[in-house]
Amino acid sequence: MYRYAFFDLDGTLTDSSEGIINSIKYALEKNGYPVPDEAELLKFIGPPLADSFAGYLNLPKDQAQDMVDTYREYFAVKGLFENRVYDGAESMLAKLKRAGVELVLATSKPEKFARQILEHFELDKYFEHVVGATLDGKLGRKSDIIKKALKDLEIKDHQQVIMIGDREYDISGANDSGLDSIGVLYGFGRREELRQAGATQIAESTEEVVKYVLGQDAATKILF
C-alpha cells in the first residue's frame, strides 16, 4: 500500500471539459481567432494553458500569457463551475482516506481555482495538501508541481507515493521524480498515450485505482 496518493484534478476527479472549452472559445473569439472544432479544443486540457495557446496559435510566450489572462475572464466567473465530479470519484477518495492513505492534489490548474473547485464539490475534506500552478505561470509544469508537493510534505521515500492522472503529463511528471503512477482511462487521455508515457498501471475505473493504490487484499476489505 502507498502512503501518499497524488491526484490530478481535470480528467481525474472532475470532467471540466465544458468550462475549459467555453473559456478557450471566449479567449479565441475576443482576440479575433477562429474557433476550431471541439476535438481540437480538448487537446488544451492537460498541459499548461500558455503552452497550448502558444503551440496552437504559434504565439510568443508573452502573447500566449495574454490569451490565458483573457481565458480567465470567463473561467474565473463561470467556466470554473461548468464542471462535474466523475461517477465514483468521491467514493474513491473516501475509501483511500479511510484506509489511511494521505491524499494530495497536484494539478496544473492554478491553485486558487483548484481550491475553489474542491470546496464547491465538497471534496476538500479528503485532501491533506493542495499544490497547483501559480497565476503568473512561474509554476505550472506537472513535474515541478509534483516536486513542490514532495518538498512541502518533506517526503524522502518516493516509493511511498503514487501519482494518479489521465494524461501523459501526469505520468511523465511522476517519472521525473521516480514515482509510480496510475493512468486513468475515464478522463481525457487514452491507453496508448498513457502506456507510451510509462504509466506503472492503467485503470479503467475508480475502483481499479483503489485496488492499485491499496493492493488487492486491502482493497477487497475496503471495497466489499
C-alpha atoms as a PDB file:
ATOM      1  CA  MET A   1       0.000   0.000   0.000  1.00  0.00           C
ATOM      2  CA  TYR A   2       1.195   3.500  -0.805  1.00  0.00           C
ATOM      3  CA  ARG A   3       1.252   6.065   1.991  1.00  0.00           C
ATOM      4  CA  TYR A   4       0.550   9.030  -0.304  1.00  0.00           C
ATOM      5  CA  ALA A   5      -1.674   9.329  -3.375  1.00  0.00           C
ATOM      6  CA  PHE A   6      -1.126  12.433  -5.518  1.00  0.00           C
ATOM      7  CA  PHE A   7      -4.168  13.238  -7.667  1.00  0.00           C
ATOM      8  CA  ASP A   8      -4.573  15.288 -10.803  1.00  0.00           C
ATOM      9  CA  LEU A   9      -7.841  17.275 -10.964  1.00  0.00           C
ATOM     10  CA  ASP A  10      -9.120  17.810 -14.525  1.00  0.00           C
ATOM     11  CA  GLY A  11      -9.920  14.484 -16.156  1.00  0.00           C
ATOM     12  CA  THR A  12      -9.180  12.529 -12.989  1.00  0.00           C
ATOM     13  CA  LEU A  13     -11.594  13.808 -10.343  1.00  0.00           C
ATOM     14  CA  THR A  14     -13.803  16.119 -12.400  1.00  0.00           C
ATOM     15  CA  ASP A  15     -14.923  16.408 -16.011  1.00  0.00           C
ATOM     16  CA  SER A  16     -14.079  20.064 -16.562  1.00  0.00           C
ATOM     17  CA  SER A  17     -14.315  19.979 -20.357  1.00  0.00           C
ATOM     18  CA  GLU A  18     -17.380  22.221 -20.704  1.00  0.00           C
ATOM     19  CA  GLY A  19     -15.928  25.083 -18.685  1.00  0.00           C
ATOM     20  CA  ILE A  20     -12.463  24.850 -20.222  1.00  0.00           C
ATOM     21  CA  ILE A  21     -13.780  24.685 -23.785  1.00  0.00           C
ATOM     22  CA  ASN A  22     -16.149  27.611 -23.232  1.00  0.00           C
ATOM     23  CA  SER A  23     -13.303  29.647 -21.730  1.00  0.00           C
ATOM     24  CA  ILE A  24     -10.994  28.861 -24.668  1.00  0.00           C
ATOM     25  CA  LYS A  25     -13.719  29.813 -27.134  1.00  0.00           C
ATOM     26  CA  TYR A  26     -14.201  33.088 -25.281  1.00  0.00           C
ATOM     27  CA  ALA A  27     -10.475  33.880 -25.436  1.00  0.00           C
ATOM     28  CA  LEU A  28     -10.174  32.999 -29.124  1.00  0.00           C
ATOM     29  CA  GLU A  29     -13.266  34.930 -30.165  1.00  0.00           C
ATOM     30  CA  LYS A  30     -12.379  38.014 -28.101  1.00  0.00           C
ATOM     31  CA  ASN A  31      -8.940  38.125 -29.711  1.00  0.00           C
ATOM     32  CA  GLY A  32     -10.204  37.552 -33.248  1.00  0.00           C
ATOM     33  CA  TYR A  33      -9.042  33.976 -33.778  1.00  0.00           C
ATOM     34  CA  PRO A  34     -11.171  31.270 -35.455  1.00  0.00           C
ATOM     35  CA  VAL A  35     -12.614  28.644 -33.132  1.00  0.00           C
ATOM     36  CA  PRO A  36     -11.749  25.050 -34.122  1.00  0.00           C
ATOM     37  CA  ASP A  37     -13.969  22.039 -33.535  1.00  0.00           C
ATOM     38  CA  GLU A  38     -14.331  20.567 -30.067  1.00  0.00           C
ATOM     39  CA  ALA A  39     -11.939  17.669 -30.709  1.00  0.00           C
ATOM     40  CA  GLU A  40      -9.140  20.168 -31.272  1.00  0.00           C
ATOM     41  CA  LEU A  41     -10.072  22.172 -28.192  1.00  0.00           C
ATOM     42  CA  LEU A  42      -9.904  19.062 -25.996  1.00  0.00           C
ATOM     43  CA  LYS A  43      -6.148  18.998 -26.659  1.00  0.00           C
ATOM     44  CA  PHE A  44      -5.878  22.110 -24.488  1.00  0.00           C
ATOM     45  CA  ILE A  45      -6.821  20.075 -21.410  1.00  0.00           C
ATOM     46  CA  GLY A  46      -3.770  18.746 -19.611  1.00  0.00           C
ATOM     47  CA  PRO A  47      -0.708  20.844 -20.438  1.00  0.00           C
ATOM     48  CA  PRO A  48      -0.224  24.398 -19.113  1.00  0.00           C
ATOM     49  CA  LEU A  49      -2.633  26.665 -20.994  1.00  0.00           C
ATOM     50  CA  ALA A  50       0.089  29.090 -22.080  1.00  0.00           C
ATOM     51  CA  ASP A  51       1.845  26.205 -23.838  1.00  0.00           C
ATOM     52  CA  SER A  52      -1.388  25.168 -25.542  1.00  0.00           C
ATOM     53  CA  PHE A  53      -2.138  28.675 -26.789  1.00  0.00           C
ATOM     54  CA  ALA A  54       1.484  29.189 -27.880  1.00  0.00           C
ATOM     55  CA  GLY A  55       1.547  25.930 -29.817  1.00  0.00           C
ATOM     56  CA  TYR A  56      -1.884  26.217 -31.404  1.00  0.00           C
ATOM     57  CA  LEU A  57      -1.618  29.875 -32.394  1.00  0.00           C
ATOM     58  CA  ASN A  58       2.179  29.993 -32.890  1.00  0.00           C
ATOM     59  CA  LEU A  59       2.494  32.792 -30.349  1.00  0.00           C
ATOM     60  CA  PRO A  60       5.492  34.008 -28.347  1.00  0.00           C
ATOM     61  CA  LYS A  61       5.375  33.426 -24.598  1.00  0.00           C
ATOM     62  CA  ASP A  62       4.103  36.894 -23.602  1.00  0.00           C
ATOM     63  CA  GLN A  63       1.225  36.848 -26.106  1.00  0.00           C
ATOM     64  CA  ALA A  64       0.288  33.317 -25.060  1.00  0.00           C
ATOM     65  CA  GLN A  65       0.080  34.518 -21.464  1.00  0.00           C
ATOM     66  CA  ASP A  66      -2.216  37.353 -22.621  1.00  0.00           C
ATOM     67  CA  MET A  67      -4.523  34.687 -24.083  1.00  0.00           C
ATOM     68  CA  VAL A  68      -4.504  32.889 -20.735  1.00  0.00           C
ATOM     69  CA  ASP A  69      -5.461  36.137 -18.989  1.00  0.00           C
ATOM     70  CA  THR A  70      -8.412  36.549 -21.383  1.00  0.00           C
ATOM     71  CA  TYR A  71      -9.397  32.907 -20.829  1.00  0.00           C
ATOM     72  CA  ARG A  72      -9.573  33.573 -17.095  1.00  0.00           C
ATOM     73  CA  GLU A  73     -12.021  36.451 -17.573  1.00  0.00           C
ATOM     74  CA  TYR A  74     -14.628  33.811 -18.394  1.00  0.00           C
ATOM     75  CA  PHE A  75     -13.259  30.898 -16.390  1.00  0.00           C
ATOM     76  CA  ALA A  76     -12.997  32.706 -13.039  1.00  0.00           C
ATOM     77  CA  VAL A  77     -16.650  33.770 -13.185  1.00  0.00           C
ATOM     78  CA  LYS A  78     -18.485  30.978 -14.979  1.00  0.00           C
ATOM     79  CA  GLY A  79     -16.259  28.298 -16.503  1.00  0.00           C
ATOM     80  CA  LEU A  80     -14.962  27.237 -13.110  1.00  0.00           C
ATOM     81  CA  PHE A  81     -18.328  25.719 -12.232  1.00  0.00           C
ATOM     82  CA  GLU A  82     -19.217  24.295 -15.674  1.00  0.00           C
ATOM     83  CA  ASN A  83     -17.843  21.083 -14.287  1.00  0.00           C
ATOM     84  CA  ARG A  84     -18.933  17.789 -12.699  1.00  0.00           C
ATOM     85  CA  VAL A  85     -17.403  15.156 -10.436  1.00  0.00           C
ATOM     86  CA  TYR A  86     -16.879  11.813 -12.167  1.00  0.00           C
ATOM     87  CA  ASP A  87     -19.104   8.981 -11.015  1.00  0.00           C
ATOM     88  CA  GLY A  88     -17.247   7.081  -8.315  1.00  0.00           C
ATOM     89  CA  ALA A  89     -14.579   9.737  -7.760  1.00  0.00           C
ATOM     90  CA  GLU A  90     -15.741  10.845  -4.318  1.00  0.00           C
ATOM     91  CA  SER A  91     -16.216   7.241  -3.219  1.00  0.00           C
ATOM     92  CA  MET A  92     -12.660   6.518  -4.392  1.00  0.00           C
ATOM     93  CA  LEU A  93     -11.272   9.369  -2.279  1.00  0.00           C
ATOM     94  CA  ALA A  94     -13.305   8.318   0.741  1.00  0.00           C
ATOM     95  CA  LYS A  95     -12.119   4.689   0.539  1.00  0.00           C
ATOM     96  CA  LEU A  96      -8.473   5.663   0.221  1.00  0.00           C
ATOM     97  CA  LYS A  97      -8.681   8.126   3.092  1.00  0.00           C
ATOM     98  CA  ARG A  98     -10.468   5.556   5.260  1.00  0.00           C
ATOM     99  CA  ALA A  99      -7.647   3.116   4.532  1.00  0.00           C
ATOM    100  CA  GLY A 100      -5.113   5.636   5.847  1.00  0.00           C
ATOM    101  CA  VAL A 101      -3.707   6.965   2.570  1.00  0.00           C
ATOM    102  CA  GLU A 102      -2.792  10.668   2.650  1.00  0.00           C
ATOM    103  CA  LEU A 103      -4.337  12.402  -0.370  1.00  0.00           C
ATOM    104  CA  VAL A 104      -2.639  15.296  -2.127  1.00  0.00           C
ATOM    105  CA  LEU A 105      -3.916  17.332  -5.071  1.00  0.00           C
ATOM    106  CA  ALA A 106      -1.173  18.049  -7.618  1.00  0.00           C
ATOM    107  CA  THR A 107      -2.668  19.967 -10.538  1.00  0.00           C
ATOM    108  CA  SER A 108      -1.535  22.255 -13.337  1.00  0.00           C
ATOM    109  CA  LYS A 109      -4.679  24.297 -12.759  1.00  0.00           C
ATOM    110  CA  PRO A 110      -3.995  27.478 -10.773  1.00  0.00           C
ATOM    111  CA  GLU A 111      -4.135  26.604  -7.102  1.00  0.00           C
ATOM    112  CA  LYS A 112      -6.675  29.347  -6.413  1.00  0.00           C
ATOM    113  CA  PHE A 113      -9.165  27.795  -8.843  1.00  0.00           C
ATOM    114  CA  ALA A 114      -8.368  24.228  -7.772  1.00  0.00           C
ATOM    115  CA  ARG A 115      -9.218  25.031  -4.157  1.00  0.00           C
ATOM    116  CA  GLN A 116     -12.476  26.698  -5.219  1.00  0.00           C
ATOM    117  CA  ILE A 117     -13.472  23.635  -7.224  1.00  0.00           C
ATOM    118  CA  LEU A 118     -12.686  21.248  -4.362  1.00  0.00           C
ATOM    119  CA  GLU A 119     -14.707  23.384  -1.961  1.00  0.00           C
ATOM    120  CA  HIS A 120     -17.606  23.765  -4.421  1.00  0.00           C
ATOM    121  CA  PHE A 121     -17.938  19.994  -4.793  1.00  0.00           C
ATOM    122  CA  GLU A 122     -17.121  19.354  -1.105  1.00  0.00           C
ATOM    123  CA  LEU A 123     -14.037  17.312  -1.978  1.00  0.00           C
ATOM    124  CA  ASP A 124     -11.629  19.475   0.017  1.00  0.00           C
ATOM    125  CA  LYS A 125     -12.261  17.414   3.167  1.00  0.00           C
ATOM    126  CA  TYR A 126     -10.383  14.470   1.655  1.00  0.00           C
ATOM    127  CA  PHE A 127      -7.112  16.265   0.945  1.00  0.00           C
ATOM    128  CA  GLU A 128      -4.179  16.797   3.277  1.00  0.00           C
ATOM    129  CA  HIS A 129      -2.435  19.211   0.919  1.00  0.00           C
ATOM    130  CA  VAL A 130      -3.091  21.058  -2.354  1.00  0.00           C
ATOM    131  CA  VAL A 131      -0.452  22.209  -4.846  1.00  0.00           C
ATOM    132  CA  GLY A 132      -1.424  23.970  -8.060  1.00  0.00           C
ATOM    133  CA  ALA A 133       0.016  26.335 -10.615  1.00  0.00           C
ATOM    134  CA  THR A 134       0.668  29.986  -9.888  1.00  0.00           C
ATOM    135  CA  LEU A 135      -1.345  32.593 -11.753  1.00  0.00           C
ATOM    136  CA  ASP A 136       1.819  34.209 -13.113  1.00  0.00           C
ATOM    137  CA  GLY A 137       2.829  30.988 -14.857  1.00  0.00           C
ATOM    138  CA  LYS A 138       6.103  30.579 -12.950  1.00  0.00           C
ATOM    139  CA  LEU A 139       4.909  27.256 -11.534  1.00  0.00           C
ATOM    140  CA  GLY A 140       2.806  25.284 -13.972  1.00  0.00           C
ATOM    141  CA  ARG A 141       4.514  22.161 -15.281  1.00  0.00           C
ATOM    142  CA  LYS A 142       3.317  18.958 -13.685  1.00  0.00           C
ATOM    143  CA  SER A 143       6.820  17.737 -12.864  1.00  0.00           C
ATOM    144  CA  ASP A 144       7.541  20.966 -10.948  1.00  0.00           C
ATOM    145  CA  ILE A 145       4.205  20.787  -9.128  1.00  0.00           C
ATOM    146  CA  ILE A 146       4.878  17.201  -8.038  1.00  0.00           C
ATOM    147  CA  LYS A 147       8.355  18.164  -6.835  1.00  0.00           C
ATOM    148  CA  LYS A 148       6.910  21.048  -4.828  1.00  0.00           C
ATOM    149  CA  ALA A 149       4.363  18.730  -3.184  1.00  0.00           C
ATOM    150  CA  LEU A 150       7.133  16.281  -2.269  1.00  0.00           C
ATOM    151  CA  LYS A 151       9.185  19.127  -0.808  1.00  0.00           C
ATOM    152  CA  ASP A 152       6.250  20.668   1.072  1.00  0.00           C
ATOM    153  CA  LEU A 153       5.460  17.338   2.718  1.00  0.00           C
ATOM    154  CA  GLU A 154       9.150  16.506   3.272  1.00  0.00           C
ATOM    155  CA  ILE A 155       8.720  13.130   1.577  1.00  0.00           C
ATOM    156  CA  LYS A 156      12.105  11.452   1.202  1.00  0.00           C
ATOM    157  CA  ASP A 157      10.999   7.932   0.263  1.00  0.00           C
ATOM    158  CA  HIS A 158       9.399   8.327  -3.147  1.00  0.00           C
ATOM    159  CA  GLN A 159       8.414   4.662  -3.197  1.00  0.00           C
ATOM    160  CA  GLN A 160       5.656   5.609  -0.733  1.00  0.00           C
ATOM    161  CA  VAL A 161       3.991   7.872  -3.326  1.00  0.00           C
ATOM    162  CA  ILE A 162       1.861   7.181  -6.390  1.00  0.00           C
ATOM    163  CA  MET A 163       0.574   9.771  -8.888  1.00  0.00           C
ATOM    164  CA  ILE A 164      -2.880   9.350 -10.425  1.00  0.00           C
ATOM    165  CA  GLY A 165      -3.803  11.234 -13.588  1.00  0.00           C
ATOM    166  CA  ASP A 166      -5.328  10.960 -17.038  1.00  0.00           C
ATOM    167  CA  ARG A 167      -2.683  12.492 -19.333  1.00  0.00           C
ATOM    168  CA  GLU A 168       0.916  11.844 -20.319  1.00  0.00           C
ATOM    169  CA  TYR A 169       1.969  14.960 -18.364  1.00  0.00           C
ATOM    170  CA  ASP A 170       0.875  13.328 -15.109  1.00  0.00           C
ATOM    171  CA  ILE A 171       2.830  10.177 -15.912  1.00  0.00           C
ATOM    172  CA  SER A 172       5.995  11.897 -17.138  1.00  0.00           C
ATOM    173  CA  GLY A 173       5.835  14.248 -14.135  1.00  0.00           C
ATOM    174  CA  ALA A 174       5.736  11.223 -11.842  1.00  0.00           C
ATOM    175  CA  ASN A 175       8.608   9.588 -13.717  1.00  0.00           C
ATOM    176  CA  ASP A 176      10.737  12.725 -13.288  1.00  0.00           C
ATOM    177  CA  SER A 177      10.564  12.266  -9.510  1.00  0.00           C
ATOM    178  CA  GLY A 178      10.848   8.491  -9.512  1.00  0.00           C
ATOM    179  CA  LEU A 179       7.216   7.923  -8.551  1.00  0.00           C
ATOM    180  CA  ASP A 180       4.929   5.101  -9.578  1.00  0.00           C
ATOM    181  CA  SER A 181       1.834   6.214 -11.452  1.00  0.00           C
ATOM    182  CA  ILE A 182      -1.679   5.233 -12.454  1.00  0.00           C
ATOM    183  CA  GLY A 183      -3.094   6.438 -15.733  1.00  0.00           C
ATOM    184  CA  VAL A 184      -6.898   6.563 -15.743  1.00  0.00           C
ATOM    185  CA  LEU A 185      -8.925   5.890 -18.886  1.00  0.00           C
ATOM    186  CA  TYR A 186     -12.188   7.578 -17.884  1.00  0.00           C
ATOM    187  CA  GLY A 187     -10.660  11.067 -18.346  1.00  0.00           C
ATOM    188  CA  PHE A 188      -9.184  12.783 -21.399  1.00  0.00           C
ATOM    189  CA  GLY A 189      -6.174  10.543 -22.046  1.00  0.00           C
ATOM    190  CA  ARG A 190      -6.018   7.310 -23.999  1.00  0.00           C
ATOM    191  CA  ARG A 191      -4.418   3.946 -23.268  1.00  0.00           C
ATOM    192  CA  GLU A 192      -1.623   4.276 -25.853  1.00  0.00           C
ATOM    193  CA  GLU A 193      -0.735   7.784 -24.629  1.00  0.00           C
ATOM    194  CA  LEU A 194      -0.503   6.588 -21.030  1.00  0.00           C
ATOM    195  CA  ARG A 195       1.338   3.393 -21.943  1.00  0.00           C
ATOM    196  CA  GLN A 196       3.934   5.252 -24.006  1.00  0.00           C
ATOM    197  CA  ALA A 197       4.419   7.773 -21.201  1.00  0.00           C
ATOM    198  CA  GLY A 198       5.363   4.874 -18.903  1.00  0.00           C
ATOM    199  CA  ALA A 199       2.409   4.519 -16.526  1.00  0.00           C
ATOM    200  CA  THR A 200       3.034   1.887 -13.860  1.00  0.00           C
ATOM    201  CA  GLN A 201      -0.639   0.852 -14.014  1.00  0.00           C
ATOM    202  CA  ILE A 202      -3.591   1.797 -16.207  1.00  0.00           C
ATOM    203  CA  ALA A 203      -7.034   1.889 -14.578  1.00  0.00           C
ATOM    204  CA  GLU A 204     -10.360   1.789 -16.369  1.00  0.00           C
ATOM    205  CA  SER A 205     -12.380   2.765 -13.298  1.00  0.00           C
ATOM    206  CA  THR A 206     -12.159   4.469  -9.931  1.00  0.00           C
ATOM    207  CA  GLU A 207     -12.424   1.063  -8.220  1.00  0.00           C
ATOM    208  CA  GLU A 208      -9.333  -0.106 -10.084  1.00  0.00           C
ATOM    209  CA  VAL A 209      -7.500   2.971  -8.822  1.00  0.00           C
ATOM    210  CA  VAL A 210      -8.339   1.935  -5.247  1.00  0.00           C
ATOM    211  CA  LYS A 211      -7.046  -1.593  -5.895  1.00  0.00           C
ATOM    212  CA  TYR A 212      -3.760  -0.358  -7.324  1.00  0.00           C
ATOM    213  CA  VAL A 213      -3.155   2.134  -4.508  1.00  0.00           C
ATOM    214  CA  LEU A 214      -4.044  -0.203  -1.642  1.00  0.00           C
ATOM    215  CA  GLY A 215      -3.063  -3.548  -3.076  1.00  0.00           C
ATOM    216  CA  GLN A 216      -5.614  -6.250  -3.870  1.00  0.00           C
ATOM    217  CA  ASP A 217      -6.060  -7.671  -0.371  1.00  0.00           C
ATOM    218  CA  ALA A 218      -6.527  -4.332   1.393  1.00  0.00           C
ATOM    219  CA  ALA A 219      -8.743  -3.025  -1.399  1.00  0.00           C
ATOM    220  CA  THR A 220     -11.047  -6.017  -1.122  1.00  0.00           C
ATOM    221  CA  LYS A 221     -11.671  -5.208   2.547  1.00  0.00           C
ATOM    222  CA  ILE A 222     -12.438  -1.586   1.690  1.00  0.00           C
ATOM    223  CA  LEU A 223     -14.484  -2.183  -1.458  1.00  0.00           C
ATOM    224  CA  PHE A 224     -16.649  -5.066  -0.262  1.00  0.00           C
END
